[in-house]
Amino acid sequence: MSGHEFQSHFEVSGDVDHTDQSTSLTEANVQEMRYILDRYPQPRSAIMPMLHYVQSVDGRISPAGVQVVAELVGVSEAQVNGVATFYTMYKRRPAGTQHVGVCVTSLCAIMGGDYLMDTCEKHLGIKAGETTPDGQISLEAVECNAACDFAPVMMVNWEFMDNMTPDTAVDLLDKLRSGEEVHSTRGAKITSWKEAERVLAGFPDGRADEGPTAGHASLTGLNIARERGWGAPDPASIPAPEPKPEEQK
């Protein structure tokens, strides 16, 4: 035995923070949540986008948000809480204006993800799962961003920042804290975590086609195929498969 074991960074304890009963939800917000509900034939299917909407307003899953979702969908608050505490994208305490994730799983870890996390924690003066005292940045250890060809990767409000180094991580954090314009490696200009959550709730911000949608590593095979004139065979030129013996009877 090596004495080592897999380290998971999923948040596994704690419930929605009911000690903080504050909310910014208004009747206008509740009406928009009704718009979300109307999109789904099965009301329960609206729980997840509605929770993203709650975060876009309150910056977290608030008790008031849980109550509104439960009432609109027609389920218990316990059922809504069950969804909110199962998925790591739902925050039980306020996230920062900018939410930064560092992938620390498998390939990203091998390529330096752990060093990125250590750098971010030291530079911000917080640990993963915490928010800076000024509320500007929250930090999260992410279990795989599905971007191994760009490892190590970070995310800002769910937008990719590829091929990061400790130096570029520090530069990114400084720009976010100072309010400088930051663009995702494969996506749009970074806005704020709340604005990103509103998009996830189903309210497009018109920036879906802003910025590149694929990076060099993802396009390498396609570019080689184009250079060499490779392509998929013409379906009409593919011979029919030989019939199986049982089909010849």
C-alpha atoms as a PDB file:
ATOM      1  CA  MET A   1       0.000   0.000   0.000  1.00  0.00           C
ATOM      2  CA  SER A   2       1.310   3.425  -0.930  1.00  0.00           C
ATOM      3  CA  GLY A   3      -0.514   5.201   1.875  1.00  0.00           C
ATOM      4  CA  HIS A   4      -2.108   7.572  -0.630  1.00  0.00           C
ATOM      5  CA  GLU A   5      -5.748   7.805  -1.543  1.00  0.00           C
ATOM      6  CA  PHE A   6      -7.813   9.758  -4.032  1.00  0.00           C
ATOM      7  CA  GLN A   7      -8.540  13.262  -2.767  1.00  0.00           C
ATOM      8  CA  SER A   8     -11.974  14.567  -3.700  1.00  0.00           C
ATOM      9  CA  HIS A   9     -12.661  18.281  -3.692  1.00  0.00           C
ATOM     10  CA  PHE A  10     -16.430  17.991  -3.925  1.00  0.00           C
ATOM     11  CA  GLU A  11     -18.250  19.906  -1.218  1.00  0.00           C
ATOM     12  CA  VAL A  12     -19.874  17.154   0.797  1.00  0.00           C
ATOM     13  CA  SER A  13     -21.076  18.756   4.018  1.00  0.00           C
ATOM     14  CA  GLY A  14     -23.383  21.536   5.044  1.00  0.00           C
ATOM     15  CA  ASP A  15     -26.793  22.690   3.950  1.00  0.00           C
ATOM     16  CA  VAL A  16     -28.127  25.923   2.550  1.00  0.00           C
ATOM     17  CA  ASP A  17     -27.186  28.648   5.042  1.00  0.00           C
ATOM     18  CA  HIS A  18     -30.456  29.330   6.853  1.00  0.00           C
ATOM     19  CA  THR A  19     -28.771  31.703   9.297  1.00  0.00           C
ATOM     20  CA  ASP A  20     -28.719  34.304   6.502  1.00  0.00           C
ATOM     21  CA  GLN A  21     -32.332  35.056   5.596  1.00  0.00           C
ATOM     22  CA  SER A  22     -31.517  38.070   3.417  1.00  0.00           C
ATOM     23  CA  THR A  23     -32.679  38.144  -0.195  1.00  0.00           C
ATOM     24  CA  SER A  24     -32.834  40.549  -3.131  1.00  0.00           C
ATOM     25  CA  LEU A  25     -35.657  38.688  -4.865  1.00  0.00           C
ATOM     26  CA  THR A  26     -38.516  40.946  -5.901  1.00  0.00           C
ATOM     27  CA  GLU A  27     -41.912  40.271  -7.448  1.00  0.00           C
ATOM     28  CA  ALA A  28     -40.362  41.074 -10.836  1.00  0.00           C
ATOM     29  CA  ASN A  29     -37.812  38.327 -10.215  1.00  0.00           C
ATOM     30  CA  VAL A  30     -40.553  35.893  -9.239  1.00  0.00           C
ATOM     31  CA  GLN A  31     -42.330  36.709 -12.496  1.00  0.00           C
ATOM     32  CA  GLU A  32     -39.188  35.856 -14.460  1.00  0.00           C
ATOM     33  CA  MET A  33     -39.018  32.576 -12.561  1.00  0.00           C
ATOM     34  CA  ARG A  34     -42.555  31.893 -13.734  1.00  0.00           C
ATOM     35  CA  TYR A  35     -41.307  32.422 -17.308  1.00  0.00           C
ATOM     36  CA  ILE A  36     -38.716  29.725 -16.673  1.00  0.00           C
ATOM     37  CA  LEU A  37     -41.359  27.383 -15.299  1.00  0.00           C
ATOM     38  CA  ASP A  38     -43.561  27.869 -18.378  1.00  0.00           C
ATOM     39  CA  ARG A  39     -40.814  26.465 -20.625  1.00  0.00           C
ATOM     40  CA  TYR A  40     -41.024  22.989 -19.126  1.00  0.00           C
ATOM     41  CA  PRO A  41     -43.880  20.480 -19.612  1.00  0.00           C
ATOM     42  CA  GLN A  42     -42.876  18.868 -16.305  1.00  0.00           C
ATOM     43  CA  PRO A  43     -42.572  21.524 -13.564  1.00  0.00           C
ATOM     44  CA  ARG A  44     -39.845  19.609 -11.708  1.00  0.00           C
ATOM     45  CA  SER A  45     -37.588  20.024 -14.743  1.00  0.00           C
ATOM     46  CA  ALA A  46     -37.471  23.757 -14.006  1.00  0.00           C
ATOM     47  CA  ILE A  47     -35.823  23.362 -10.579  1.00  0.00           C
ATOM     48  CA  MET A  48     -32.223  23.525 -11.799  1.00  0.00           C
ATOM     49  CA  PRO A  49     -32.536  26.600 -14.062  1.00  0.00           C
ATOM     50  CA  MET A  50     -34.605  28.324 -11.398  1.00  0.00           C
ATOM     51  CA  LEU A  51     -31.855  27.712  -8.843  1.00  0.00           C
ATOM     52  CA  HIS A  52     -29.350  29.267 -11.229  1.00  0.00           C
ATOM     53  CA  TYR A  53     -31.705  32.229 -11.429  1.00  0.00           C
ATOM     54  CA  VAL A  54     -31.788  32.503  -7.632  1.00  0.00           C
ATOM     55  CA  GLN A  55     -27.989  32.656  -7.673  1.00  0.00           C
ATOM     56  CA  SER A  56     -28.063  35.369 -10.340  1.00  0.00           C
ATOM     57  CA  VAL A  57     -30.014  37.544  -7.905  1.00  0.00           C
ATOM     58  CA  ASP A  58     -28.818  36.539  -4.441  1.00  0.00           C
ATOM     59  CA  GLY A  59     -25.327  35.305  -5.295  1.00  0.00           C
ATOM     60  CA  ARG A  60     -26.087  32.019  -3.568  1.00  0.00           C
ATOM     61  CA  ILE A  61     -28.947  29.599  -2.952  1.00  0.00           C
ATOM     62  CA  SER A  62     -30.877  31.617  -0.405  1.00  0.00           C
ATOM     63  CA  PRO A  63     -33.615  30.227   1.865  1.00  0.00           C
ATOM     64  CA  ALA A  64     -36.049  32.664   0.238  1.00  0.00           C
ATOM     65  CA  GLY A  65     -35.034  31.375  -3.193  1.00  0.00           C
ATOM     66  CA  VAL A  66     -35.585  27.772  -2.109  1.00  0.00           C
ATOM     67  CA  GLN A  67     -39.027  28.701  -0.818  1.00  0.00           C
ATOM     68  CA  VAL A  68     -40.049  30.457  -4.045  1.00  0.00           C
ATOM     69  CA  VAL A  69     -38.816  27.587  -6.218  1.00  0.00           C
ATOM     70  CA  ALA A  70     -40.689  25.052  -4.088  1.00  0.00           C
ATOM     71  CA  GLU A  71     -43.921  27.051  -4.245  1.00  0.00           C
ATOM     72  CA  LEU A  72     -43.745  27.618  -8.005  1.00  0.00           C
ATOM     73  CA  VAL A  73     -42.823  24.049  -8.871  1.00  0.00           C
ATOM     74  CA  GLY A  74     -45.175  22.469  -6.357  1.00  0.00           C
ATOM     75  CA  VAL A  75     -42.678  20.419  -4.380  1.00  0.00           C
ATOM     76  CA  SER A  76     -41.361  20.581  -0.839  1.00  0.00           C
ATOM     77  CA  GLU A  77     -38.503  22.813   0.210  1.00  0.00           C
ATOM     78  CA  ALA A  78     -36.652  19.647   1.241  1.00  0.00           C
ATOM     79  CA  GLN A  79     -36.798  18.426  -2.360  1.00  0.00           C
ATOM     80  CA  VAL A  80     -35.407  21.722  -3.660  1.00  0.00           C
ATOM     81  CA  ASN A  81     -32.728  21.656  -0.973  1.00  0.00           C
ATOM     82  CA  GLY A  82     -31.827  18.154  -2.122  1.00  0.00           C
ATOM     83  CA  VAL A  83     -31.042  19.446  -5.620  1.00  0.00           C
ATOM     84  CA  ALA A  84     -29.283  22.575  -4.357  1.00  0.00           C
ATOM     85  CA  THR A  85     -26.951  20.602  -2.096  1.00  0.00           C
ATOM     86  CA  PHE A  86     -26.243  17.780  -4.558  1.00  0.00           C
ATOM     87  CA  TYR A  87     -24.723  19.808  -7.415  1.00  0.00           C
ATOM     88  CA  THR A  88     -21.516  21.740  -6.796  1.00  0.00           C
ATOM     89  CA  MET A  89     -22.503  24.583  -9.151  1.00  0.00           C
ATOM     90  CA  TYR A  90     -25.025  25.703  -6.548  1.00  0.00           C
ATOM     91  CA  LYS A  91     -23.371  27.729  -3.812  1.00  0.00           C
ATOM     92  CA  ARG A  92     -24.619  27.507  -0.256  1.00  0.00           C
ATOM     93  CA  ARG A  93     -22.864  30.712   0.733  1.00  0.00           C
ATOM     94  CA  PRO A  94     -22.226  33.864  -1.315  1.00  0.00           C
ATOM     95  CA  ALA A  95     -19.815  33.527  -4.218  1.00  0.00           C
ATOM     96  CA  GLY A  96     -17.598  36.408  -5.244  1.00  0.00           C
ATOM     97  CA  THR A  97     -18.264  38.924  -7.975  1.00  0.00           C
ATOM     98  CA  GLN A  98     -15.951  36.678  -9.994  1.00  0.00           C
ATOM     99  CA  HIS A  99     -15.939  32.948  -9.311  1.00  0.00           C
ATOM    100  CA  VAL A 100     -12.632  31.251 -10.130  1.00  0.00           C
ATOM    101  CA  GLY A 101     -12.273  27.508 -10.494  1.00  0.00           C
ATOM    102  CA  VAL A 102      -9.021  25.571 -10.749  1.00  0.00           C
ATOM    103  CA  CYS A 103      -9.102  22.052 -12.155  1.00  0.00           C
ATOM    104  CA  VAL A 104      -7.135  19.734  -9.859  1.00  0.00           C
ATOM    105  CA  THR A 105      -8.149  16.385 -11.323  1.00  0.00           C
ATOM    106  CA  SER A 106      -5.985  13.858 -13.158  1.00  0.00           C
ATOM    107  CA  LEU A 107      -4.336  15.439 -16.192  1.00  0.00           C
ATOM    108  CA  CYS A 108      -4.654  19.027 -14.981  1.00  0.00           C
ATOM    109  CA  ALA A 109      -3.085  18.016 -11.675  1.00  0.00           C
ATOM    110  CA  ILE A 110      -0.243  16.267 -13.488  1.00  0.00           C
ATOM    111  CA  MET A 111       0.270  19.337 -15.668  1.00  0.00           C
ATOM    112  CA  GLY A 112       0.405  21.689 -12.689  1.00  0.00           C
ATOM    113  CA  GLY A 113      -3.133  22.210 -11.436  1.00  0.00           C
ATOM    114  CA  ASP A 114      -2.090  21.756  -7.819  1.00  0.00           C
ATOM    115  CA  TYR A 115       0.580  24.429  -8.231  1.00  0.00           C
ATOM    116  CA  LEU A 116      -2.025  26.749  -9.767  1.00  0.00           C
ATOM    117  CA  MET A 117      -4.317  26.230  -6.787  1.00  0.00           C
ATOM    118  CA  ASP A 118      -1.495  26.822  -4.331  1.00  0.00           C
ATOM    119  CA  THR A 119      -0.544  30.004  -6.194  1.00  0.00           C
ATOM    120  CA  CYS A 120      -4.131  31.283  -6.209  1.00  0.00           C
ATOM    121  CA  GLU A 121      -4.633  30.576  -2.520  1.00  0.00           C
ATOM    122  CA  LYS A 122      -1.443  32.362  -1.538  1.00  0.00           C
ATOM    123  CA  HIS A 123      -2.052  35.331  -3.849  1.00  0.00           C
ATOM    124  CA  LEU A 124      -5.647  35.825  -2.703  1.00  0.00           C
ATOM    125  CA  GLY A 125      -5.025  34.955   0.939  1.00  0.00           C
ATOM    126  CA  ILE A 126      -7.881  32.447   1.017  1.00  0.00           C
ATOM    127  CA  LYS A 127      -8.390  28.713   0.670  1.00  0.00           C
ATOM    128  CA  ALA A 128     -10.431  26.846  -1.918  1.00  0.00           C
ATOM    129  CA  GLY A 129     -14.088  27.175  -1.002  1.00  0.00           C
ATOM    130  CA  GLU A 130     -13.651  30.695   0.389  1.00  0.00           C
ATOM    131  CA  THR A 131     -14.256  34.236  -0.838  1.00  0.00           C
ATOM    132  CA  THR A 132     -11.913  37.187  -0.455  1.00  0.00           C
ATOM    133  CA  PRO A 133     -12.921  39.624   2.326  1.00  0.00           C
ATOM    134  CA  ASP A 134     -13.766  42.281  -0.264  1.00  0.00           C
ATOM    135  CA  GLY A 135     -16.187  39.882  -1.957  1.00  0.00           C
ATOM    136  CA  GLN A 136     -14.430  40.207  -5.296  1.00  0.00           C
ATOM    137  CA  ILE A 137     -13.241  36.643  -5.887  1.00  0.00           C
ATOM    138  CA  SER A 138     -14.309  33.214  -4.707  1.00  0.00           C
ATOM    139  CA  LEU A 139     -12.079  30.210  -5.311  1.00  0.00           C
ATOM    140  CA  GLU A 140     -13.061  26.633  -6.013  1.00  0.00           C
ATOM    141  CA  ALA A 141     -11.217  23.368  -6.658  1.00  0.00           C
ATOM    142  CA  VAL A 142     -13.010  21.890  -9.656  1.00  0.00           C
ATOM    143  CA  GLU A 143     -13.282  18.190 -10.434  1.00  0.00           C
ATOM    144  CA  CYS A 144     -12.517  18.082 -14.179  1.00  0.00           C
ATOM    145  CA  ASN A 145     -13.446  20.821 -16.608  1.00  0.00           C
ATOM    146  CA  ALA A 146     -13.509  18.373 -19.559  1.00  0.00           C
ATOM    147  CA  ALA A 147     -10.701  20.282 -21.262  1.00  0.00           C
ATOM    148  CA  CYS A 148      -7.749  17.927 -20.904  1.00  0.00           C
ATOM    149  CA  ASP A 149      -6.220  19.035 -24.219  1.00  0.00           C
ATOM    150  CA  PHE A 150      -5.718  22.497 -22.691  1.00  0.00           C
ATOM    151  CA  ALA A 151      -4.431  21.393 -19.281  1.00  0.00           C
ATOM    152  CA  PRO A 152      -3.982  22.900 -16.827  1.00  0.00           C
ATOM    153  CA  VAL A 153      -7.170  24.914 -17.031  1.00  0.00           C
ATOM    154  CA  MET A 154      -8.951  27.420 -14.856  1.00  0.00           C
ATOM    155  CA  MET A 155     -12.435  28.861 -15.197  1.00  0.00           C
ATOM    156  CA  VAL A 156     -13.887  32.264 -14.464  1.00  0.00           C
ATOM    157  CA  ASN A 157     -17.664  32.196 -14.119  1.00  0.00           C
ATOM    158  CA  TRP A 158     -17.622  28.881 -16.035  1.00  0.00           C
ATOM    159  CA  GLU A 159     -15.611  30.336 -18.953  1.00  0.00           C
ATOM    160  CA  PHE A 160     -12.378  28.581 -19.919  1.00  0.00           C
ATOM    161  CA  MET A 161      -8.899  29.907 -19.279  1.00  0.00           C
ATOM    162  CA  ASP A 162      -6.542  27.448 -20.978  1.00  0.00           C
ATOM    163  CA  ASN A 163      -2.915  26.380 -20.600  1.00  0.00           C
ATOM    164  CA  MET A 164      -2.448  28.336 -17.408  1.00  0.00           C
ATOM    165  CA  THR A 165       0.778  28.857 -15.463  1.00  0.00           C
ATOM    166  CA  PRO A 166       1.323  30.308 -11.985  1.00  0.00           C
ATOM    167  CA  ASP A 167       2.342  33.623 -13.585  1.00  0.00           C
ATOM    168  CA  THR A 168      -0.690  33.833 -15.883  1.00  0.00           C
ATOM    169  CA  ALA A 169      -2.918  32.825 -12.956  1.00  0.00           C
ATOM    170  CA  VAL A 170      -1.637  35.729 -10.859  1.00  0.00           C
ATOM    171  CA  ASP A 171      -2.061  38.104 -13.802  1.00  0.00           C
ATOM    172  CA  LEU A 172      -5.631  36.868 -14.281  1.00  0.00           C
ATOM    173  CA  LEU A 173      -6.521  37.348 -10.619  1.00  0.00           C
ATOM    174  CA  ASP A 174      -5.033  40.852 -10.568  1.00  0.00           C
ATOM    175  CA  LYS A 175      -7.008  41.854 -13.657  1.00  0.00           C
ATOM    176  CA  LEU A 176     -10.227  40.488 -12.202  1.00  0.00           C
ATOM    177  CA  ARG A 177      -9.715  42.353  -8.921  1.00  0.00           C
ATOM    178  CA  SER A 178      -8.899  45.634 -10.679  1.00  0.00           C
ATOM    179  CA  GLY A 179     -11.890  45.379 -13.012  1.00  0.00           C
ATOM    180  CA  GLU A 180      -9.803  45.144 -16.177  1.00  0.00           C
ATOM    181  CA  GLU A 181     -11.353  43.565 -19.240  1.00  0.00           C
ATOM    182  CA  VAL A 182     -10.671  39.836 -19.402  1.00  0.00           C
ATOM    183  CA  HIS A 183     -11.540  37.497 -22.265  1.00  0.00           C
ATOM    184  CA  SER A 184     -11.967  33.757 -22.064  1.00  0.00           C
ATOM    185  CA  THR A 185      -9.546  31.670 -24.105  1.00  0.00           C
ATOM    186  CA  ARG A 186     -12.462  30.002 -25.848  1.00  0.00           C
ATOM    187  CA  GLY A 187     -15.449  32.190 -25.256  1.00  0.00           C
ATOM    188  CA  ALA A 188     -16.809  35.623 -24.515  1.00  0.00           C
ATOM    189  CA  LYS A 189     -15.622  38.541 -22.448  1.00  0.00           C
ATOM    190  CA  ILE A 190     -15.853  37.837 -18.734  1.00  0.00           C
ATOM    191  CA  THR A 191     -18.749  39.702 -17.114  1.00  0.00           C
ATOM    192  CA  SER A 192     -19.668  38.572 -13.592  1.00  0.00           C
ATOM    193  CA  TRP A 193     -20.690  35.380 -11.887  1.00  0.00           C
ATOM    194  CA  LYS A 194     -24.246  36.599 -11.363  1.00  0.00           C
ATOM    195  CA  GLU A 195     -24.581  37.505 -15.028  1.00  0.00           C
ATOM    196  CA  ALA A 196     -23.270  34.082 -16.015  1.00  0.00           C
ATOM    197  CA  GLU A 197     -25.809  32.455 -13.700  1.00  0.00           C
ATOM    198  CA  ARG A 198     -28.614  34.375 -15.394  1.00  0.00           C
ATOM    199  CA  VAL A 199     -27.526  32.919 -18.727  1.00  0.00           C
ATOM    200  CA  LEU A 200     -27.547  29.416 -17.231  1.00  0.00           C
ATOM    201  CA  ALA A 201     -31.071  30.112 -16.025  1.00  0.00           C
ATOM    202  CA  GLY A 202     -32.105  30.519 -19.656  1.00  0.00           C
ATOM    203  CA  PHE A 203     -31.856  34.256 -20.334  1.00  0.00           C
ATOM    204  CA  PRO A 204     -29.325  34.714 -23.193  1.00  0.00           C
ATOM    205  CA  ASP A 205     -27.084  37.772 -23.045  1.00  0.00           C
ATOM    206  CA  GLY A 206     -26.451  37.889 -26.799  1.00  0.00           C
ATOM    207  CA  ARG A 207     -22.814  36.838 -26.467  1.00  0.00           C
ATOM    208  CA  ALA A 208     -23.083  33.164 -27.408  1.00  0.00           C
ATOM    209  CA  ASP A 209     -20.984  33.648 -30.563  1.00  0.00           C
ATOM    210  CA  GLU A 210     -18.513  36.097 -29.049  1.00  0.00           C
ATOM    211  CA  GLY A 211     -14.891  34.954 -29.145  1.00  0.00           C
ATOM    212  CA  PRO A 212     -13.417  31.687 -30.458  1.00  0.00           C
ATOM    213  CA  THR A 213     -15.366  28.533 -29.731  1.00  0.00           C
ATOM    214  CA  ALA A 214     -12.513  26.057 -30.252  1.00  0.00           C
ATOM    215  CA  GLY A 215      -8.801  26.135 -29.550  1.00  0.00           C
ATOM    216  CA  HIS A 216      -5.788  24.964 -31.544  1.00  0.00           C
ATOM    217  CA  ALA A 217      -5.528  21.595 -29.796  1.00  0.00           C
ATOM    218  CA  SER A 218      -9.148  20.741 -30.577  1.00  0.00           C
ATOM    219  CA  LEU A 219      -8.755  21.712 -34.226  1.00  0.00           C
ATOM    220  CA  THR A 220      -5.452  19.933 -34.916  1.00  0.00           C
ATOM    221  CA  GLY A 221      -7.012  16.815 -36.412  1.00  0.00           C
ATOM    222  CA  LEU A 222      -9.401  18.846 -38.558  1.00  0.00           C
ATOM    223  CA  ASN A 223      -6.594  21.058 -39.850  1.00  0.00           C
ATOM    224  CA  ILE A 224      -4.426  18.067 -40.767  1.00  0.00           C
ATOM    225  CA  ALA A 225      -7.349  16.489 -42.611  1.00  0.00           C
ATOM    226  CA  ARG A 226      -7.914  19.667 -44.590  1.00  0.00           C
ATOM    227  CA  GLU A 227      -4.238  20.012 -45.458  1.00  0.00           C
ATOM    228  CA  ARG A 228      -4.086  16.429 -46.749  1.00  0.00           C
ATOM    229  CA  GLY A 229      -7.458  16.412 -48.427  1.00  0.00           C
ATOM    230  CA  TRP A 230      -8.889  13.797 -46.125  1.00  0.00           C
ATOM    231  CA  GLY A 231     -12.627  13.474 -45.711  1.00  0.00           C
ATOM    232  CA  ALA A 232     -15.343  11.049 -44.806  1.00  0.00           C
ATOM    233  CA  PRO A 233     -16.138   8.499 -47.538  1.00  0.00           C
ATOM    234  CA  ASP A 234     -19.132   9.081 -49.766  1.00  0.00           C
ATOM    235  CA  PRO A 235     -21.927   6.933 -48.310  1.00  0.00           C
ATOM    236  CA  ALA A 236     -22.979   5.968 -51.846  1.00  0.00           C
ATOM    237  CA  SER A 237     -19.547   4.449 -52.525  1.00  0.00           C
ATOM    238  CA  ILE A 238     -19.518   2.229 -49.454  1.00  0.00           C
ATOM    239  CA  PRO A 239     -20.377  -1.366 -50.370  1.00  0.00           C
ATOM    240  CA  ALA A 240     -23.254  -2.981 -48.549  1.00  0.00           C
ATOM    241  CA  PRO A 241     -22.183  -5.416 -45.812  1.00  0.00           C
ATOM    242  CA  GLU A 242     -22.236  -9.108 -46.622  1.00  0.00           C
ATOM    243  CA  PRO A 243     -25.418 -10.751 -45.325  1.00  0.00           C
ATOM    244  CA  LYS A 244     -25.028 -12.887 -42.244  1.00  0.00           C
ATOM    245  CA  PRO A 245     -25.536 -16.652 -42.701  1.00  0.00           C
ATOM    246  CA  GLU A 246     -28.831 -16.624 -40.830  1.00  0.00           C
ATOM    247  CA  GLU A 247     -30.052 -13.843 -43.113  1.00  0.00           C
ATOM    248  CA  GLN A 248     -29.365 -15.947 -46.249  1.00  0.00           C
ATOM    249  CA  LYS A 249     -31.825 -18.645 -45.242  1.00  0.00           C
END
